Amino acid sequence: MTRSPATPLPPPKARRRLRETAALTQTQLADRVGVTPGTVRAWESGRTTPRGRKREAYAKLLKTLAEEETARQARQEQEKQEEQAKRNQEREQKQAQAQAQKQDQEGLREPELKPEPEPEPKPEPVALTPAQAFDALYAFSAPALVRQTFLLTGRREQARESVERAFQAAWERWPEVARDRDPVGWVRATAYEYALSPWQRLHPRHRHPEPPPADPGDRTLLNTLLRLPPRHRRTLVLYDGVGLDLPETAAETEASTPATANRLLRAREAVAGRLPALADPQVLHLRLAELASNERLRAAEPPTVRRGGERRARFWTRAAIAFTVALIGTTALTVRTAPTHYEPPVSPGQAVRGVPQRVAPGALSDEELELRQKLRDQLQDGPERLSPRLE
């Protein structure tokens, strides 16, 4: 029995854009699909993927929204073309009138026709291999992502490792990441999630603190950032550091737009409370850029990251295969040695009382020897038979 392929879905950011273009909230869309708003938020962020009937309903609704958006864009484009055509017609009429007046003044002389220049041939795009495309994306975005992640963690090695792990995850899912509308955003979200994971506290490097920045101002700003809650810190870095707008920041942090705005305001208030000179968002943006640029943060080479991800993927694949083989072997051994019928348990023994103890054999006493000799001398088959006698 073959399994039907899953219904294709647009990328996560396209799902959110279709919903916002249709002026629908996550709650309204969740009611139409039959799920919770948290599930819709997870679908739009790409953390989970719908399955089964929910996927069919969600795909059908997104297709309807896309068709409505296409029709709306077509109407707008048609209106724009009609307006442009009307403007061109009016301009042509004015030009014709001006030309007619000029011809009347010059004696109806026909203008000279100038040959139009031939268009230059456009160069054909060069197709890149997956490895070349990955290396280009890494070389373009990795240095900036390492500096941004350093603002979140305050640790240079953790920032570098988080970005490398994010790019390794992107290489494992490269077809999906390559088709994404914002591959840098996909990698950035993965790196931030790994950097802010609570499990990072169990790493041995947390036992040895790294040296702080040399500049006192940079050191104070970094300590202020690290005192913020992780969600507020991430929102502040994305909005004031990276320069994303509010909806994109909300989508990347998996929060609503009002909640993201509230986090941003609280983070700015906390920073301005300790550093009043950074109350202006523009000044704060420049200081964050300076803090990240003053640190010597280097990313590994793209081939090294790719090979590291491939080695990790092979390791976990072999580990999964070994675990599966061990599980199958254990199951087979259990089936082989398990009893095939019920065996009742043996009842516990009970002590029997009143039986004399068994005496160990040894030498016979004089009385026992006499008794044995007496038994041997006498007849063993009863008394002697009586016979009649004549007197």
Protein backbone atom coordinates (compact mmCIF):
# COMPACT_ATOMS: atom_id res chain seq x y z
CA MET A 1 0.00 0.00 0.00
CA THR A 2 1.61 3.29 -1.09
CA ARG A 3 1.35 6.43 0.95
CA SER A 4 0.06 9.60 -0.71
CA PRO A 5 2.51 12.53 -0.67
CA ALA A 6 1.89 15.34 1.78
CA THR A 7 0.23 18.50 0.52
CA PRO A 8 2.92 21.14 -0.24
CA LEU A 9 2.98 24.22 1.97
CA PRO A 10 4.59 27.63 1.41
CA PRO A 11 7.59 28.63 3.57
CA PRO A 12 6.84 29.69 7.18
CA LYS A 13 7.37 33.42 6.53
CA ALA A 14 5.11 33.25 3.48
CA ARG A 15 2.38 31.74 5.67
CA ARG A 16 2.60 34.65 8.09
CA ARG A 17 2.65 37.16 5.23
CA LEU A 18 -0.48 35.62 3.66
CA ARG A 19 -2.29 35.80 6.99
CA GLU A 20 -1.30 39.41 7.66
CA THR A 21 -2.13 40.45 4.08
CA ALA A 22 -5.62 39.00 4.54
CA ALA A 23 -5.94 41.00 7.81
CA LEU A 24 -6.41 37.85 9.88
CA THR A 25 -5.12 37.35 13.40
CA GLN A 26 -3.61 34.08 14.56
CA THR A 27 -6.72 33.40 16.65
CA GLN A 28 -9.03 33.91 13.66
CA LEU A 29 -6.94 31.65 11.45
CA ALA A 30 -6.74 29.02 14.22
CA ASP A 31 -10.55 29.02 14.50
CA ARG A 32 -10.88 28.48 10.75
CA VAL A 33 -8.43 25.56 10.76
CA GLY A 34 -9.58 24.10 14.09
CA VAL A 35 -6.36 24.42 16.13
CA THR A 36 -5.01 26.67 18.87
CA PRO A 37 -3.28 30.03 18.25
CA GLY A 38 -0.05 28.57 19.66
CA THR A 39 -0.11 25.88 16.97
CA VAL A 40 -0.52 28.52 14.25
CA ARG A 41 2.37 30.49 15.76
CA ALA A 42 4.57 27.39 15.66
CA TRP A 43 3.58 26.69 12.03
CA GLU A 44 4.39 30.25 10.96
CA SER A 45 7.79 30.17 12.68
CA GLY A 46 8.73 26.84 11.07
CA ARG A 47 9.28 25.01 14.38
CA THR A 48 6.55 22.46 13.66
CA THR A 49 4.82 21.23 10.51
CA PRO A 50 1.12 20.35 10.27
CA ARG A 51 0.16 16.78 9.40
CA GLY A 52 -2.86 14.82 8.35
CA ARG A 53 -6.21 16.59 8.07
CA LYS A 54 -4.87 19.72 9.77
CA ARG A 55 -2.27 20.03 7.00
CA GLU A 56 -4.92 19.63 4.31
CA ALA A 57 -7.15 22.29 5.89
CA TYR A 58 -4.23 24.64 6.48
CA ALA A 59 -2.91 24.22 2.92
CA LYS A 60 -6.39 24.78 1.46
CA LEU A 61 -6.84 27.96 3.51
CA LEU A 62 -3.39 29.29 2.54
CA LYS A 63 -4.12 28.52 -1.10
CA THR A 64 -7.35 30.52 -0.85
CA LEU A 65 -5.52 33.43 0.76
CA ALA A 66 -2.82 33.27 -1.94
CA GLU A 67 -5.44 33.30 -4.70
CA GLU A 68 -7.14 36.28 -3.10
CA GLU A 69 -3.81 38.08 -2.82
CA THR A 70 -2.98 37.26 -6.46
CA ALA A 71 -6.36 38.56 -7.61
CA ARG A 72 -5.94 41.69 -5.51
CA GLN A 73 -2.46 42.29 -6.92
CA ALA A 74 -3.76 41.69 -10.43
CA ARG A 75 -6.48 44.30 -9.90
CA GLN A 76 -3.98 46.76 -8.51
CA GLU A 77 -1.60 46.10 -11.38
CA GLN A 78 -4.41 46.53 -13.88
CA GLU A 79 -5.46 49.79 -12.27
CA LYS A 80 -1.85 50.94 -12.24
CA GLN A 81 -1.45 50.04 -15.92
CA GLU A 82 -4.67 51.83 -16.82
CA GLU A 83 -3.55 54.91 -14.92
CA GLN A 84 -0.12 54.73 -16.57
CA ALA A 85 -1.70 54.30 -19.99
CA LYS A 86 -3.91 57.33 -19.32
CA ARG A 87 -0.87 59.36 -18.31
CA ASN A 88 1.03 58.20 -21.40
CA GLN A 89 -1.89 59.11 -23.60
CA GLU A 90 -2.11 62.59 -22.09
CA ARG A 91 1.64 63.02 -22.44
CA GLU A 92 1.52 61.86 -26.08
CA GLN A 93 -1.29 64.29 -26.78
CA LYS A 94 0.72 67.13 -25.27
CA GLN A 95 3.78 66.08 -27.23
CA ALA A 96 1.75 65.85 -30.41
CA GLN A 97 0.34 69.34 -29.87
CA ALA A 98 3.81 70.71 -29.14
CA GLN A 99 5.21 68.96 -32.21
CA ALA A 100 2.43 70.30 -34.34
CA GLN A 101 3.08 73.82 -33.16
CA LYS A 102 6.80 73.36 -33.78
CA GLN A 103 6.17 72.00 -37.31
CA ASP A 104 3.94 74.95 -38.03
CA GLN A 105 6.72 77.28 -36.97
CA GLU A 106 9.45 75.41 -38.93
CA GLY A 107 7.46 74.94 -42.12
CA LEU A 108 6.22 71.37 -41.58
CA ARG A 109 9.72 69.84 -41.71
CA GLU A 110 9.84 66.14 -40.82
CA PRO A 111 12.22 65.32 -37.96
CA GLU A 112 15.23 63.15 -38.61
CA LEU A 113 14.98 59.58 -37.38
CA LYS A 114 17.84 58.38 -35.18
CA PRO A 115 18.68 54.68 -35.11
CA GLU A 116 17.92 53.06 -31.77
CA PRO A 117 20.93 51.51 -30.01
CA GLU A 118 20.93 47.75 -29.92
CA PRO A 119 20.44 46.33 -26.43
CA GLU A 120 23.49 44.72 -24.93
CA PRO A 121 23.19 40.96 -24.38
CA LYS A 122 22.64 40.07 -20.76
CA PRO A 123 25.14 37.65 -19.26
CA GLU A 124 23.72 34.24 -18.52
CA PRO A 125 23.52 33.41 -14.81
CA VAL A 126 26.07 30.89 -13.62
CA ALA A 127 24.58 27.90 -11.83
CA LEU A 128 26.22 27.24 -8.44
CA THR A 129 26.59 23.86 -6.83
CA PRO A 130 25.03 23.37 -3.37
CA ALA A 131 28.46 23.56 -1.73
CA GLN A 132 29.32 26.80 -3.55
CA ALA A 133 25.97 28.36 -2.65
CA PHE A 134 26.42 27.34 1.00
CA ASP A 135 29.97 28.75 1.08
CA ALA A 136 28.73 32.02 -0.39
CA LEU A 137 25.97 32.32 2.21
CA TYR A 138 28.40 31.48 5.01
CA ALA A 139 31.04 33.97 3.86
CA PHE A 140 28.39 36.69 3.51
CA SER A 141 26.59 36.29 6.85
CA ALA A 142 28.74 34.30 9.30
CA PRO A 143 30.98 37.14 10.58
CA ALA A 144 28.00 39.39 11.34
CA LEU A 145 26.07 36.54 12.98
CA VAL A 146 29.01 35.75 15.27
CA ARG A 147 29.11 39.38 16.44
CA GLN A 148 25.34 39.45 16.98
CA THR A 149 25.41 36.22 18.96
CA PHE A 150 28.21 37.63 21.11
CA LEU A 151 25.84 40.42 22.18
CA LEU A 152 23.37 37.75 23.34
CA THR A 153 25.79 35.56 25.28
CA GLY A 154 28.82 37.68 26.13
CA ARG A 155 31.03 34.66 25.31
CA ARG A 156 33.17 34.56 22.22
CA GLU A 157 33.58 30.79 21.92
CA GLN A 158 29.89 30.14 22.54
CA ALA A 159 28.94 32.67 19.87
CA ARG A 160 31.25 31.04 17.32
CA GLU A 161 30.01 27.53 18.17
CA SER A 162 26.35 28.60 17.98
CA VAL A 163 26.78 30.03 14.50
CA GLU A 164 28.68 26.95 13.31
CA ARG A 165 25.96 24.64 14.66
CA ALA A 166 23.30 26.75 12.95
CA PHE A 167 25.10 26.55 9.59
CA GLN A 168 25.62 22.81 10.03
CA ALA A 169 21.88 22.43 10.58
CA ALA A 170 21.32 24.55 7.46
CA TRP A 171 23.65 22.30 5.45
CA GLU A 172 21.72 19.22 6.60
CA ARG A 173 18.49 20.86 5.35
CA TRP A 174 20.07 22.74 2.48
CA PRO A 175 17.33 22.27 -0.15
CA GLU A 176 14.78 23.73 2.27
CA VAL A 177 17.06 26.59 3.39
CA ALA A 178 18.15 27.41 -0.16
CA ARG A 179 14.52 27.88 -1.25
CA ASP A 180 13.68 30.02 1.79
CA ARG A 181 13.01 33.70 1.11
CA ASP A 182 15.41 34.70 3.91
CA PRO A 183 18.15 32.06 4.41
CA VAL A 184 20.10 34.41 6.68
CA GLY A 185 17.06 34.78 8.92
CA TRP A 186 16.68 30.99 9.12
CA VAL A 187 20.29 30.57 10.21
CA ARG A 188 20.08 33.54 12.59
CA ALA A 189 17.01 32.14 14.37
CA THR A 190 18.68 28.73 14.76
CA ALA A 191 21.90 30.29 16.10
CA TYR A 192 20.01 32.42 18.62
CA GLU A 193 18.00 29.42 19.84
CA TYR A 194 21.16 27.39 20.37
CA ALA A 195 23.01 30.27 22.05
CA LEU A 196 20.18 31.02 24.51
CA SER A 197 19.43 27.38 25.33
CA PRO A 198 19.38 26.66 29.10
CA TRP A 199 21.52 23.57 28.47
CA GLN A 200 24.47 25.85 27.70
CA ARG A 201 24.93 26.32 31.45
CA LEU A 202 26.03 22.69 31.76
CA HIS A 203 28.94 23.21 29.37
CA PRO A 204 32.38 23.04 31.05
CA ARG A 205 33.39 26.42 29.60
CA HIS A 206 30.92 28.17 31.94
CA ARG A 207 33.16 27.25 34.85
CA HIS A 208 35.89 29.49 33.44
CA PRO A 209 34.71 33.06 32.75
CA GLU A 210 36.09 34.80 29.68
CA PRO A 211 37.95 38.13 29.94
CA PRO A 212 35.56 41.09 29.60
CA PRO A 213 35.99 43.81 26.94
CA ALA A 214 38.93 46.11 27.50
CA ASP A 215 36.96 49.35 27.15
CA PRO A 216 35.02 50.27 30.35
CA GLY A 217 32.06 51.59 28.33
CA ASP A 218 31.84 48.37 26.32
CA ARG A 219 32.11 46.34 29.51
CA THR A 220 29.26 48.27 31.15
CA LEU A 221 27.03 47.97 28.09
CA LEU A 222 27.68 44.23 27.78
CA ASN A 223 26.89 43.66 31.47
CA THR A 224 23.67 45.65 31.06
CA LEU A 225 22.65 43.49 28.10
CA LEU A 226 23.40 40.26 29.95
CA ARG A 227 21.23 41.37 32.87
CA LEU A 228 18.18 41.57 30.60
CA PRO A 229 15.87 38.54 30.31
CA PRO A 230 16.79 36.40 27.28
CA ARG A 231 13.62 37.29 25.38
CA HIS A 232 14.05 41.03 25.94
CA ARG A 233 17.74 40.81 25.05
CA ARG A 234 16.99 38.95 21.82
CA THR A 235 14.29 41.44 20.85
CA LEU A 236 16.59 44.39 21.51
CA VAL A 237 19.44 42.90 19.47
CA LEU A 238 17.16 42.09 16.53
CA TYR A 239 15.39 45.45 16.44
CA ASP A 240 18.07 47.94 17.51
CA GLY A 241 21.12 45.87 16.64
CA VAL A 242 20.30 44.02 13.41
CA GLY A 243 17.73 46.57 12.24
CA LEU A 244 14.69 44.36 11.64
CA ASP A 245 11.24 45.91 11.70
CA LEU A 246 8.69 45.01 14.36
CA PRO A 247 6.71 42.31 12.45
CA GLU A 248 9.91 40.51 11.39
CA THR A 249 11.22 40.65 14.97
CA ALA A 250 7.92 39.26 16.24
CA ALA A 251 8.00 36.44 13.70
CA GLU A 252 11.59 35.48 14.54
CA THR A 253 10.96 35.52 18.31
CA GLU A 254 7.66 33.62 17.90
CA ALA A 255 5.61 36.30 19.62
CA SER A 256 2.82 38.65 18.69
CA THR A 257 3.58 42.17 17.54
CA PRO A 258 2.19 43.86 20.70
CA ALA A 259 4.18 41.51 22.94
CA THR A 260 7.34 42.21 20.94
CA ALA A 261 6.79 45.97 21.21
CA ASN A 262 6.31 45.63 24.98
CA ARG A 263 9.55 43.63 25.32
CA LEU A 264 11.42 46.21 23.26
CA LEU A 265 10.19 49.10 25.39
CA ARG A 266 11.07 47.33 28.63
CA ALA A 267 14.56 46.47 27.33
CA ARG A 268 15.17 50.06 26.26
CA GLU A 269 14.00 51.32 29.66
CA ALA A 270 16.38 48.94 31.44
CA VAL A 271 19.33 50.03 29.29
CA ALA A 272 18.47 53.73 29.61
CA GLY A 273 18.05 53.36 33.38
CA ARG A 274 21.65 52.27 33.74
CA LEU A 275 23.11 54.15 30.77
CA PRO A 276 21.10 57.37 30.26
CA ALA A 277 23.23 58.33 27.26
CA LEU A 278 21.73 55.40 25.30
CA ALA A 279 18.11 56.50 25.66
CA ASP A 280 18.08 57.50 21.98
CA PRO A 281 17.51 54.40 19.76
CA GLN A 282 19.92 55.71 17.12
CA VAL A 283 22.70 56.12 19.67
CA LEU A 284 21.93 52.67 21.07
CA HIS A 285 22.17 51.16 17.58
CA LEU A 286 25.59 52.75 17.03
CA ARG A 287 26.87 51.60 20.43
CA LEU A 288 25.74 48.01 19.82
CA ALA A 289 27.52 48.03 16.47
CA GLU A 290 30.67 49.42 18.08
CA LEU A 291 30.57 46.85 20.88
CA ALA A 292 30.29 43.97 18.40
CA SER A 293 32.95 45.41 16.09
CA ASN A 294 35.54 46.01 18.82
CA GLU A 295 35.78 42.28 19.60
CA ARG A 296 38.05 40.08 17.51
CA LEU A 297 35.59 37.41 16.51
CA ARG A 298 36.48 35.08 13.68
CA ALA A 299 34.40 32.39 12.05
CA ALA A 300 35.76 29.11 10.74
CA GLU A 301 36.17 28.42 7.03
CA PRO A 302 33.08 27.18 5.14
CA PRO A 303 34.57 23.76 4.18
CA THR A 304 35.45 23.12 7.82
CA VAL A 305 31.87 23.81 8.89
CA ARG A 306 30.46 21.59 6.17
CA ARG A 307 32.78 18.70 7.00
CA GLY A 308 32.01 19.08 10.71
CA GLY A 309 28.29 18.88 10.04
CA GLU A 310 28.73 15.84 7.80
CA ARG A 311 30.83 14.08 10.45
CA ARG A 312 28.22 14.81 13.10
CA ALA A 313 25.44 13.55 10.84
CA ARG A 314 27.38 10.32 10.15
CA PHE A 315 28.08 9.84 13.85
CA TRP A 316 24.43 10.16 14.85
CA THR A 317 23.34 7.96 11.95
CA ARG A 318 25.74 5.21 13.02
CA ALA A 319 24.70 5.62 16.63
CA ALA A 320 21.05 5.25 15.65
CA ILE A 321 21.86 2.15 13.59
CA ALA A 322 23.86 0.62 16.47
CA PHE A 323 21.08 1.34 18.93
CA THR A 324 18.52 -0.20 16.58
CA VAL A 325 20.67 -3.33 16.10
CA ALA A 326 21.18 -3.66 19.86
CA LEU A 327 17.45 -3.28 20.45
CA ILE A 328 16.66 -5.92 17.83
CA GLY A 329 19.26 -8.29 19.30
CA THR A 330 17.91 -7.82 22.82
CA THR A 331 14.38 -8.44 21.61
CA ALA A 332 15.44 -11.61 19.74
CA LEU A 333 17.31 -12.92 22.80
CA THR A 334 14.32 -12.26 25.01
CA VAL A 335 12.00 -14.08 22.62
CA ARG A 336 14.46 -16.99 22.42
CA THR A 337 14.95 -17.45 26.15
CA ALA A 338 11.48 -16.56 27.39
CA PRO A 339 9.31 -19.52 28.61
CA THR A 340 6.63 -20.71 26.22
CA HIS A 341 4.22 -21.99 28.91
CA TYR A 342 3.24 -21.14 32.42
CA GLU A 343 5.28 -22.71 35.18
CA PRO A 344 3.72 -22.41 38.63
CA PRO A 345 6.10 -21.26 41.32
CA VAL A 346 7.47 -23.82 43.79
CA SER A 347 5.84 -23.46 47.18
CA PRO A 348 8.19 -22.76 50.05
CA GLY A 349 9.26 -25.78 52.17
CA GLN A 350 7.91 -26.48 55.67
CA ALA A 351 9.73 -28.08 58.52
CA VAL A 352 8.40 -31.58 59.56
CA ARG A 353 8.41 -32.03 63.31
CA GLY A 354 8.43 -35.29 65.42
CA VAL A 355 10.92 -37.22 63.23
CA PRO A 356 14.03 -38.34 65.14
CA GLN A 357 17.29 -37.19 63.84
CA ARG A 358 19.27 -39.57 61.69
CA VAL A 359 22.29 -40.97 63.48
CA ALA A 360 25.44 -41.29 61.55
CA PRO A 361 26.82 -44.90 61.19
CA GLY A 362 29.66 -45.93 63.49
CA ALA A 363 31.12 -48.85 65.54
CA LEU A 364 28.60 -51.26 67.29
CA SER A 365 28.51 -51.49 71.00
CA ASP A 366 28.84 -54.83 72.92
CA GLU A 367 25.08 -55.05 73.40
CA GLU A 368 24.44 -54.56 69.72
CA LEU A 369 27.00 -57.22 68.83
CA GLU A 370 25.41 -59.70 71.24
CA LEU A 371 21.96 -58.99 69.86
CA ARG A 372 23.18 -59.49 66.30
CA GLN A 373 24.79 -62.86 67.18
CA LYS A 374 21.62 -64.00 68.91
CA LEU A 375 19.55 -63.18 65.85
CA ARG A 376 21.91 -65.13 63.64
CA ASP A 377 21.87 -68.21 65.82
CA GLN A 378 18.12 -68.49 66.06
CA LEU A 379 15.84 -69.54 63.22
CA GLN A 380 14.55 -66.73 61.22
CA ASP A 381 11.31 -68.43 59.97
CA GLY A 382 9.51 -68.84 63.28
CA PRO A 383 9.55 -71.45 66.09
CA GLU A 384 10.42 -75.12 65.53
CA ARG A 385 7.55 -77.28 64.26
CA LEU A 386 5.93 -79.57 66.73
CA SER A 387 5.60 -83.23 65.76
CA PRO A 388 3.67 -86.01 67.73
CA ARG A 389 5.70 -88.62 69.51
CA LEU A 390 4.76 -92.03 70.92
CA GLU A 391 5.28 -92.60 74.53
